[in-house]
Protein backbone atom coordinates (compact mmCIF):
# COMPACT_ATOMS: atom_id res chain seq x y z
CA UNK A 1 89.47 -67.46 0.87
CA UNK A 2 87.20 -68.85 -1.84
CA UNK A 3 84.16 -67.68 0.11
CA UNK A 4 85.67 -64.20 0.44
CA UNK A 5 86.43 -64.00 -3.28
CA UNK A 6 82.90 -65.12 -4.08
CA UNK A 7 81.46 -62.36 -1.88
CA UNK A 8 83.61 -59.75 -3.62
CA UNK A 9 82.57 -61.08 -7.04
CA UNK A 10 78.90 -61.13 -6.04
CA UNK A 11 79.25 -57.56 -4.81
CA UNK A 12 80.65 -56.39 -8.15
CA UNK A 13 77.92 -58.20 -10.05
CA UNK A 14 75.26 -56.69 -7.81
CA UNK A 15 76.62 -53.17 -8.39
CA UNK A 16 76.72 -53.72 -12.17
CA UNK A 17 73.17 -55.06 -12.22
CA UNK A 18 71.89 -52.13 -10.21
CA UNK A 19 73.71 -49.71 -12.48
CA UNK A 20 72.29 -51.38 -15.58
CA UNK A 21 68.81 -51.49 -14.05
CA UNK A 22 68.79 -47.85 -12.92
CA UNK A 23 65.74 -46.43 -14.65
CA UNK A 24 67.31 -43.24 -16.02
CA UNK A 25 70.43 -44.97 -17.32
CA UNK A 26 68.32 -47.71 -18.87
CA UNK A 27 66.09 -45.11 -20.53
CA UNK A 28 69.15 -43.29 -21.82
CA UNK A 29 70.64 -46.49 -23.26
CA UNK A 30 67.35 -47.37 -24.99
CA UNK A 31 66.98 -43.83 -26.33
CA UNK A 32 70.36 -43.93 -28.04
CA UNK A 33 69.48 -47.29 -29.56
CA UNK A 34 66.34 -45.66 -30.98
CA UNK A 35 68.18 -42.78 -32.67
CA UNK A 36 71.01 -44.92 -34.04
CA UNK A 37 69.30 -45.40 -37.47
CA UNK A 38 69.35 -41.60 -37.92
CA UNK A 39 73.05 -41.55 -37.06
CA UNK A 40 73.83 -44.34 -39.53
CA UNK A 41 71.80 -42.61 -42.27
CA UNK A 42 73.65 -39.36 -41.62
CA UNK A 43 76.95 -41.23 -41.78
CA UNK A 44 76.26 -42.77 -45.15
CA UNK A 45 74.92 -39.48 -46.54
CA UNK A 46 78.06 -37.70 -45.32
CA UNK A 47 80.20 -40.36 -47.01
CA UNK A 48 78.30 -40.06 -50.31
CA UNK A 49 78.34 -36.24 -50.30
CA UNK A 50 81.98 -35.92 -49.30
CA UNK A 51 83.44 -38.69 -51.48
CA UNK A 52 81.17 -39.55 -54.41
CA UNK A 53 79.44 -36.19 -54.95
CA UNK A 54 82.40 -33.97 -54.08
CA UNK A 55 82.57 -31.34 -56.89
CA UNK A 56 86.37 -31.52 -56.81
CA UNK A 57 86.53 -35.31 -56.44
CA UNK A 58 86.94 -38.17 -58.91
CA UNK A 59 83.34 -37.91 -60.17
CA UNK A 60 84.07 -34.41 -61.54
CA UNK A 61 85.75 -36.12 -64.50
CA UNK A 62 82.43 -37.73 -65.42
CA UNK A 63 79.83 -35.23 -64.22
CA UNK A 64 80.10 -31.46 -64.08
CA UNK A 65 80.93 -29.84 -60.74
CA UNK A 66 77.69 -27.83 -60.90
CA UNK A 67 75.62 -30.99 -61.22
CA UNK A 68 77.45 -32.67 -58.36
CA UNK A 69 76.91 -29.65 -56.12
CA UNK A 70 73.24 -29.65 -57.10
CA UNK A 71 72.82 -33.31 -56.15
CA UNK A 72 74.62 -32.65 -52.88
CA UNK A 73 71.65 -30.56 -51.76
CA UNK A 74 69.69 -33.82 -51.21
CA UNK A 75 72.30 -35.02 -48.74
CA UNK A 76 72.50 -31.63 -47.07
CA UNK A 77 68.75 -31.61 -46.39
CA UNK A 78 68.95 -35.16 -45.00
CA UNK A 79 71.87 -34.15 -42.80
CA UNK A 80 69.86 -31.18 -41.53
CA UNK A 81 67.00 -33.53 -40.61
CA UNK A 82 69.26 -35.98 -38.78
CA UNK A 83 72.50 -34.49 -37.42
CA UNK A 84 71.06 -31.00 -37.39
CA UNK A 85 68.25 -31.91 -34.97
CA UNK A 86 69.85 -34.80 -33.10
CA UNK A 87 69.34 -33.04 -29.75
CA UNK A 88 65.59 -32.82 -30.38
CA UNK A 89 65.46 -36.47 -31.40
CA UNK A 90 67.31 -37.49 -28.23
CA UNK A 91 64.97 -35.42 -26.07
CA UNK A 92 61.93 -37.15 -27.58
CA UNK A 93 63.49 -40.64 -27.40
CA UNK A 94 64.59 -40.19 -23.77
CA UNK A 95 61.13 -39.02 -22.77
CA UNK A 96 59.44 -41.94 -24.52
CA UNK A 97 61.65 -44.63 -22.99
CA UNK A 98 61.42 -43.10 -19.53
CA UNK A 99 57.63 -43.27 -19.85
CA UNK A 100 57.91 -46.93 -20.86
CA UNK A 101 60.17 -47.75 -17.95
CA UNK A 102 57.89 -45.95 -15.52
CA UNK A 103 54.82 -47.70 -17.00
CA UNK A 104 53.23 -44.35 -17.86
CA UNK A 105 50.85 -44.93 -20.75
CA UNK A 106 50.02 -41.39 -21.93
CA UNK A 107 53.24 -41.11 -23.96
CA UNK A 108 52.32 -38.15 -26.11
CA UNK A 109 51.88 -35.65 -23.26
CA UNK A 110 55.36 -35.97 -21.67
CA UNK A 111 56.99 -36.18 -25.11
CA UNK A 112 55.36 -32.90 -26.15
CA UNK A 113 56.25 -31.33 -22.80
CA UNK A 114 59.89 -32.39 -23.20
CA UNK A 115 60.02 -31.03 -26.74
CA UNK A 116 58.49 -27.74 -25.64
CA UNK A 117 60.87 -27.51 -22.68
CA UNK A 118 64.00 -27.99 -24.79
CA UNK A 119 62.83 -25.18 -27.07
CA UNK A 120 62.09 -22.99 -24.03
CA UNK A 121 65.70 -23.21 -22.79
CA UNK A 122 67.16 -22.73 -26.27
CA UNK A 123 67.97 -19.10 -27.16
CA UNK A 124 66.35 -17.79 -30.35
CA UNK A 125 69.37 -15.71 -31.30
CA UNK A 126 72.67 -16.30 -33.07
CA UNK A 127 75.77 -14.33 -34.00
CA UNK A 128 76.50 -14.51 -37.72
CA UNK A 129 79.04 -12.79 -39.96
CA UNK A 130 77.32 -11.49 -43.15
CA UNK A 131 79.04 -12.02 -46.48
CA UNK A 132 81.72 -9.40 -46.93
CA UNK A 133 81.50 -8.17 -43.34
CA UNK A 134 84.20 -8.44 -40.67
CA UNK A 135 82.06 -8.25 -37.54
CA UNK A 136 79.35 -10.64 -36.38
CA UNK A 137 75.76 -9.44 -36.31
CA UNK A 138 73.23 -10.68 -33.77
CA UNK A 139 70.20 -12.15 -35.53
CA UNK A 140 67.04 -12.76 -33.52
CA UNK A 141 64.14 -15.22 -33.96
CA UNK A 142 66.22 -18.12 -35.25
CA UNK A 143 67.29 -21.34 -33.55
CA UNK A 144 71.05 -21.94 -33.97
CA UNK A 145 71.82 -25.40 -35.31
CA UNK A 146 74.66 -25.52 -32.80
CA UNK A 147 72.02 -25.98 -30.06
CA UNK A 148 69.86 -28.55 -31.86
CA UNK A 149 72.83 -30.50 -33.22
CA UNK A 150 75.62 -32.37 -31.49
CA UNK A 151 76.63 -29.57 -29.11
CA UNK A 152 73.27 -29.62 -27.34
CA UNK A 153 73.07 -33.39 -26.92
CA UNK A 154 73.61 -33.43 -23.17
CA UNK A 155 71.09 -30.63 -22.69
CA UNK A 156 68.52 -32.74 -24.54
CA UNK A 157 69.25 -35.69 -22.26
CA UNK A 158 68.87 -33.65 -19.06
CA UNK A 159 65.74 -31.83 -20.21
CA UNK A 160 64.14 -35.05 -21.48
CA UNK A 161 64.72 -36.84 -18.19
CA UNK A 162 63.77 -33.94 -15.89
CA UNK A 163 60.73 -32.75 -17.82
CA UNK A 164 59.32 -36.25 -18.11
CA UNK A 165 59.93 -37.14 -14.47
CA UNK A 166 58.41 -33.91 -13.15
CA UNK A 167 55.45 -34.20 -15.49
CA UNK A 168 54.70 -37.82 -14.55
CA UNK A 169 54.87 -36.96 -10.85
CA UNK A 170 52.54 -33.96 -11.22
CA UNK A 171 50.09 -35.76 -13.51
CA UNK A 172 49.58 -38.52 -10.94
CA UNK A 173 48.47 -35.95 -8.36
CA UNK A 174 44.67 -35.94 -8.50
CA UNK A 175 44.59 -32.30 -7.38
CA UNK A 176 46.32 -31.39 -10.64
CA UNK A 177 43.71 -33.09 -12.82
CA UNK A 178 40.79 -31.31 -14.47
CA UNK A 179 37.98 -33.82 -14.82
CA UNK A 180 35.34 -33.10 -17.41
CA UNK A 181 32.36 -35.22 -18.37
CA UNK A 182 29.85 -35.51 -21.16
CA UNK A 183 30.00 -36.62 -24.75
CA UNK A 184 33.59 -35.50 -25.25
CA UNK A 185 36.29 -37.27 -27.31
CA UNK A 186 38.75 -39.28 -25.14
CA UNK A 187 41.74 -37.34 -26.50
CA UNK A 188 40.21 -34.09 -25.23
CA UNK A 189 39.54 -35.61 -21.80
CA UNK A 190 43.13 -36.82 -21.52
CA UNK A 191 44.38 -33.43 -22.61
CA UNK A 192 42.41 -31.61 -19.90
CA UNK A 193 43.51 -34.13 -17.27
CA UNK A 194 47.14 -33.13 -17.81
CA UNK A 195 46.57 -29.45 -18.62
CA UNK A 196 47.93 -28.13 -15.31
CA UNK A 197 51.02 -30.43 -15.23
CA UNK A 198 51.88 -29.43 -18.81
CA UNK A 199 51.62 -25.75 -18.01
CA UNK A 200 53.61 -26.07 -14.78
CA UNK A 201 56.51 -28.00 -16.33
CA UNK A 202 56.91 -25.61 -19.26
CA UNK A 203 56.71 -22.61 -16.92
CA UNK A 204 59.33 -24.18 -14.61
CA UNK A 205 61.79 -24.49 -17.50
CA UNK A 206 60.96 -20.97 -18.63
CA UNK A 207 61.79 -19.63 -15.15
CA UNK A 208 64.93 -21.77 -15.02
CA UNK A 209 66.11 -20.34 -18.32
CA UNK A 210 65.41 -16.80 -17.12
CA UNK A 211 67.24 -17.31 -13.82
CA UNK A 212 70.33 -18.79 -15.52
CA UNK A 213 70.39 -16.00 -18.08
CA UNK A 214 69.97 -13.31 -15.41
CA UNK A 215 72.42 -14.52 -12.77
CA UNK A 216 74.94 -16.53 -14.79
CA UNK A 217 74.79 -14.30 -17.88
CA UNK A 218 74.64 -17.34 -20.17
CA UNK A 219 71.99 -19.65 -21.59
CA UNK A 220 71.20 -23.09 -20.15
CA UNK A 221 73.05 -24.85 -23.00
CA UNK A 222 76.28 -22.98 -22.30
CA UNK A 223 75.95 -23.51 -18.53
CA UNK A 224 75.47 -27.29 -18.84
CA UNK A 225 78.27 -27.55 -21.39
CA UNK A 226 80.63 -25.65 -19.07
CA UNK A 227 79.96 -27.43 -15.79
CA UNK A 228 78.91 -30.93 -16.92
CA UNK A 229 79.51 -31.88 -20.55
CA UNK A 230 83.12 -30.75 -21.03
CA UNK A 231 84.51 -32.19 -17.75
CA UNK A 232 82.72 -35.53 -18.21
CA UNK A 233 83.68 -35.72 -21.88
CA UNK A 234 87.33 -35.19 -20.99
CA UNK A 235 87.20 -38.10 -18.55
CA UNK A 236 85.19 -40.56 -20.65
CA UNK A 237 86.68 -39.90 -24.09
CA UNK A 238 90.31 -39.40 -23.11
CA UNK A 239 92.28 -42.53 -23.95
CA UNK A 240 92.84 -43.63 -20.30
CA UNK A 241 89.22 -43.07 -19.28
CA UNK A 242 87.88 -44.66 -22.45
CA UNK A 243 90.06 -47.75 -22.03
CA UNK A 244 89.16 -48.05 -18.35
CA UNK A 245 85.39 -47.97 -18.91
CA UNK A 246 85.62 -50.28 -21.94
CA UNK A 247 87.75 -52.76 -20.01
CA UNK A 248 85.41 -52.77 -17.02
CA UNK A 249 82.45 -53.31 -19.36
CA UNK A 250 84.18 -56.28 -21.04
CA UNK A 251 85.17 -57.69 -17.65
CA UNK A 252 81.55 -57.68 -16.53
CA UNK A 253 80.54 -59.25 -19.84
CA UNK A 254 82.91 -62.05 -18.87
CA UNK A 255 80.87 -62.34 -15.68
CA UNK A 256 77.62 -62.69 -17.61
CA UNK A 257 76.47 -59.04 -17.60
CA UNK A 258 76.28 -57.54 -21.09
CA UNK A 259 78.90 -54.86 -21.65
CA UNK A 260 76.25 -52.41 -22.94
CA UNK A 261 74.86 -52.25 -19.40
CA UNK A 262 78.08 -50.54 -18.28
CA UNK A 263 79.45 -48.77 -21.35
CA UNK A 264 76.11 -47.69 -22.84
CA UNK A 265 75.03 -45.11 -20.25
CA UNK A 266 78.57 -43.99 -19.37
CA UNK A 267 80.12 -43.71 -22.83
CA UNK A 268 77.46 -43.50 -25.54
CA UNK A 269 76.31 -39.88 -25.01
CA UNK A 270 79.87 -38.59 -25.31
CA UNK A 271 80.94 -40.98 -28.06
CA UNK A 272 77.90 -40.06 -30.13
CA UNK A 273 78.50 -36.35 -29.63
CA UNK A 274 82.10 -36.77 -30.79
CA UNK A 275 80.85 -38.81 -33.74
CA UNK A 276 78.41 -36.12 -34.81
CA UNK A 277 81.02 -33.39 -34.53
CA UNK A 278 83.41 -35.47 -36.65
CA UNK A 279 80.76 -36.05 -39.32
CA UNK A 280 79.89 -32.36 -39.46
CA UNK A 281 83.55 -31.37 -39.72
CA UNK A 282 84.11 -33.97 -42.45
CA UNK A 283 81.06 -32.77 -44.39
CA UNK A 284 82.36 -29.18 -44.30
CA UNK A 285 85.98 -30.16 -45.11
CA UNK A 286 87.23 -28.95 -41.72
CA UNK A 287 89.83 -30.43 -39.37
CA UNK A 288 88.45 -33.53 -37.62
CA UNK A 289 88.25 -32.76 -33.88
CA UNK A 290 88.11 -36.20 -32.23
CA UNK A 291 89.89 -39.54 -32.47
CA UNK A 292 87.64 -41.40 -30.03
CA UNK A 293 83.98 -41.67 -30.96
CA UNK A 294 81.21 -44.24 -31.34
CA UNK A 295 82.30 -45.67 -34.68
CA UNK A 296 85.94 -45.73 -33.54
CA UNK A 297 84.92 -48.11 -30.75
CA UNK A 298 82.79 -50.25 -33.07
CA UNK A 299 85.48 -50.37 -35.74
CA UNK A 300 88.47 -51.35 -33.60
CA UNK A 301 87.12 -52.87 -30.37
CA UNK A 302 84.16 -54.91 -31.63
CA UNK A 303 85.66 -56.87 -34.52
CA UNK A 304 83.70 -60.08 -34.48
CA UNK A 305 81.88 -58.78 -31.41
CA UNK A 306 82.89 -57.64 -27.95
CA UNK A 307 86.48 -58.54 -27.07
CA UNK A 308 87.45 -58.75 -30.77
CA UNK A 309 86.37 -62.39 -30.61
CA UNK A 310 86.88 -62.90 -34.34
CA UNK A 311 90.55 -63.37 -33.40
CA UNK A 312 89.63 -66.10 -30.91
CA UNK A 313 87.58 -67.90 -33.57
CA UNK A 314 90.47 -67.78 -36.03
CA UNK A 315 92.87 -69.01 -33.32
CA UNK A 316 90.58 -71.98 -32.64
CA UNK A 317 90.20 -72.82 -36.34
CA UNK A 318 93.97 -72.71 -36.97
CA UNK A 319 95.54 -73.79 -33.69
CA UNK A 320 92.69 -75.37 -31.71
CA UNK A 321 93.10 -78.96 -30.49
CA UNK A 322 89.59 -79.64 -29.25
CA UNK A 323 86.84 -80.78 -31.60
CA UNK A 324 84.05 -79.37 -29.41
CA UNK A 325 85.69 -75.92 -29.49
CA UNK A 326 85.88 -76.06 -33.27
CA UNK A 327 82.27 -77.20 -33.53
CA UNK A 328 81.11 -74.24 -31.41
CA UNK A 329 83.33 -71.91 -33.42
CA UNK A 330 81.76 -73.10 -36.69
CA UNK A 331 78.31 -72.22 -35.32
CA UNK A 332 79.60 -68.85 -34.11
CA UNK A 333 81.45 -67.90 -37.30
CA UNK A 334 78.51 -66.48 -39.28
CA UNK A 335 77.26 -64.22 -36.45
CA UNK A 336 80.84 -63.15 -35.73
CA UNK A 337 81.26 -61.80 -39.26
CA UNK A 338 78.54 -59.30 -38.35
CA UNK A 339 80.07 -58.60 -34.92
CA UNK A 340 77.64 -60.71 -32.90
CA UNK A 341 79.71 -62.46 -30.26
CA UNK A 342 77.10 -63.93 -27.90
CA UNK A 343 77.26 -67.46 -29.41
CA UNK A 344 80.99 -67.79 -28.68
CA UNK A 345 80.84 -65.88 -25.38
CA UNK A 346 78.13 -68.09 -23.91
CA UNK A 347 78.74 -71.22 -25.99
CA UNK A 348 82.47 -71.85 -25.55
CA UNK A 349 82.12 -70.27 -22.98
CA UNK A 350 84.11 -67.14 -22.21
CA UNK A 351 81.66 -66.28 -19.43
CA UNK A 352 83.05 -67.27 -16.00
CA UNK A 353 86.14 -68.69 -17.71
CA UNK A 354 89.22 -66.94 -16.23
CA UNK A 355 91.54 -68.27 -18.93
CA UNK A 356 89.57 -66.53 -21.70
CA UNK A 357 88.26 -63.50 -19.78
CA UNK A 358 91.82 -62.17 -19.54
CA UNK A 359 92.47 -61.87 -23.33
CA UNK A 360 88.82 -60.88 -23.79
CA UNK A 361 89.68 -57.73 -21.82
CA UNK A 362 93.25 -57.27 -23.07
CA UNK A 363 92.58 -57.59 -26.84
CA UNK A 364 90.39 -54.45 -27.13
CA UNK A 365 92.89 -52.46 -25.04
CA UNK A 366 95.61 -53.33 -27.53
CA UNK A 367 93.45 -52.67 -30.60
CA UNK A 368 92.05 -49.34 -29.37
CA UNK A 369 95.46 -48.08 -28.25
CA UNK A 370 97.04 -49.07 -31.57
CA UNK A 371 94.26 -47.45 -33.60
CA UNK A 372 94.38 -44.31 -31.44
CA UNK A 373 98.09 -43.69 -31.97
CA UNK A 374 97.89 -44.69 -35.64
CA UNK A 375 95.22 -42.01 -36.08
CA UNK A 376 97.14 -39.45 -34.04
CA UNK A 377 100.27 -40.09 -36.14
CA UNK A 378 98.31 -39.65 -39.38
CA UNK A 379 98.87 -43.24 -40.51
CA UNK A 380 95.12 -43.67 -40.97
CA UNK A 381 92.28 -41.18 -41.40
CA UNK A 382 90.07 -40.22 -38.49
CA UNK A 383 86.84 -42.16 -38.11
CA UNK A 384 84.22 -39.83 -39.62
CA UNK A 385 81.31 -42.05 -40.69
CA UNK A 386 78.87 -43.78 -38.33
CA UNK A 387 78.60 -47.24 -39.83
CA UNK A 388 76.18 -49.92 -38.55
CA UNK A 389 77.85 -51.87 -35.74
CA UNK A 390 77.11 -55.04 -37.72
CA UNK A 391 79.40 -53.96 -40.58
CA UNK A 392 81.99 -56.76 -41.04
CA UNK A 393 85.60 -56.07 -40.02
CA UNK A 394 87.91 -54.70 -42.72
CA UNK A 395 84.92 -53.26 -44.58
CA UNK A 396 84.04 -51.28 -41.45
CA UNK A 397 87.52 -49.76 -41.28
CA UNK A 398 87.35 -48.69 -44.92
CA UNK A 399 83.88 -47.13 -44.64
CA UNK A 400 84.22 -45.54 -41.19
CA UNK A 401 87.33 -43.59 -42.22
CA UNK A 402 85.76 -42.25 -45.40
CA UNK A 403 87.32 -44.82 -47.71
CA UNK A 404 90.83 -45.13 -46.26
CA UNK A 405 92.29 -48.54 -47.22
CA UNK A 406 95.00 -48.11 -44.58
CA UNK A 407 92.38 -48.40 -41.81
CA UNK A 408 91.20 -51.70 -43.29
CA UNK A 409 94.82 -52.88 -43.44
CA UNK A 410 95.30 -51.86 -39.81
CA UNK A 411 92.30 -53.96 -38.85
CA UNK A 412 93.92 -56.96 -40.52
CA UNK A 413 97.18 -56.34 -38.59
CA UNK A 414 95.26 -55.96 -35.31
CA UNK A 415 93.31 -59.18 -35.92
CA UNK A 416 96.54 -61.09 -36.62
CA UNK A 417 98.24 -59.79 -33.48
CA UNK A 418 95.21 -60.37 -31.25
CA UNK A 419 95.08 -63.97 -32.50
CA UNK A 420 98.41 -64.41 -30.73
CA UNK A 421 97.11 -62.54 -27.68
CA UNK A 422 94.32 -65.11 -27.41
CA UNK A 423 96.47 -68.13 -28.32
CA UNK A 424 98.41 -68.78 -25.06
CA UNK A 425 95.24 -68.41 -23.02
CA UNK A 426 93.40 -70.73 -25.42
CA UNK A 427 96.15 -73.31 -24.92
CA UNK A 428 95.79 -73.03 -21.12
CA UNK A 429 92.02 -73.30 -21.36
CA UNK A 430 92.29 -76.44 -23.50
CA UNK A 431 94.64 -78.01 -20.98
CA UNK A 432 92.22 -77.23 -18.15
CA UNK A 433 89.37 -78.72 -20.18
CA UNK A 434 91.38 -81.89 -20.97
CA UNK A 435 92.38 -82.26 -17.30
CA UNK A 436 88.77 -81.79 -16.18
CA UNK A 437 87.56 -84.42 -18.65
CA UNK A 438 90.24 -86.86 -17.48
CA UNK A 439 89.30 -86.29 -13.83
CA UNK A 440 85.61 -86.82 -14.55
CA UNK A 441 86.39 -90.02 -16.44
CA UNK A 442 88.39 -91.40 -13.50
CA UNK A 443 85.57 -90.54 -11.09
CA UNK A 444 83.02 -92.34 -13.33
CA UNK A 445 85.20 -95.44 -13.55
CA UNK A 446 85.56 -95.54 -9.77
């Protein structure tokens, strides 16, 4: 029986490792890590513009509304250069990291090809309602922000991966290379070597865009959104799907495989898209469309790190009976304040410890479900600001919800309750540890 269980466990671990090592998923995970600073900047700018610089807000008693609106233009331009072009940034980042993972050294060529290809499949037309008019007018020769912003995120991912892969494959074919000699700058030589692959890839995407437009009567963005993005988003960012993927990721973290390996590729694209749409709606004083998003996960499921381990640390400090556990917890406390849980996960350890893996999985399920229904009921504001994942608990709840103190209070309540979720399992783990020590001592004496 033990051998059978070990085989099953090894099989799960092998699947998780292969999933995490899959080159496209790994490139996607790394790409989102690269663009996160832009998301965080956009989040803070949105918070400043919508709270501090709001012409009808509390600052209007100190500064004129006209001046506040004037200063808001700085934030608007920054938002345009971050949220407004997030699809383009993702396309570039995906292409770059795929080149790295494929050990392709001429980064600039596939990045430029990917950028060109995403523009090729993007329609240069938009329907707009002029001031005072009732009907929309079609305006040509403009790129709608709806395609370069959050709505086009999945298109950027697909184009970045496909364009880069096709380009790399073509560029390695010697028949596609144009070799020139003489006293010519190296950059020019490299450019001519990939001239044909560049042209072919861009033409392929141009033909693809034409075919989709002709036979499906829609652009590539709309097609991908209809058949891929919306169905997958419904599965991954619905509460059941979100909890399932998060729980599986935490379970594998308990088996020594970092949760980002699982949740990163499967959740991050959709969570980030929801986050961007929330920030845009918040900035324009519109109804917030999503409860579940990237900052929602960071705010309520990563307090003290994965598994809400700040609650475990507090449980050990208050109720713990083992000195070695308290010593490890003291070393883990400072990182935990900034949501870094590896010291406690691998030091206590939680890894390969059934007694602690169980609450490690259960605690985030409780906290996410509680926060979800609290948001749905209107007890706390929606999460609308992408804060750094290292933002300490309580402060993160306040900032992520646009300054709602109730979200910070909810975090405190969740931490207190999850302390008691961890506590019975901590007691069992301590008993097992004491029994193991006693058994080892008897064996040494004999």
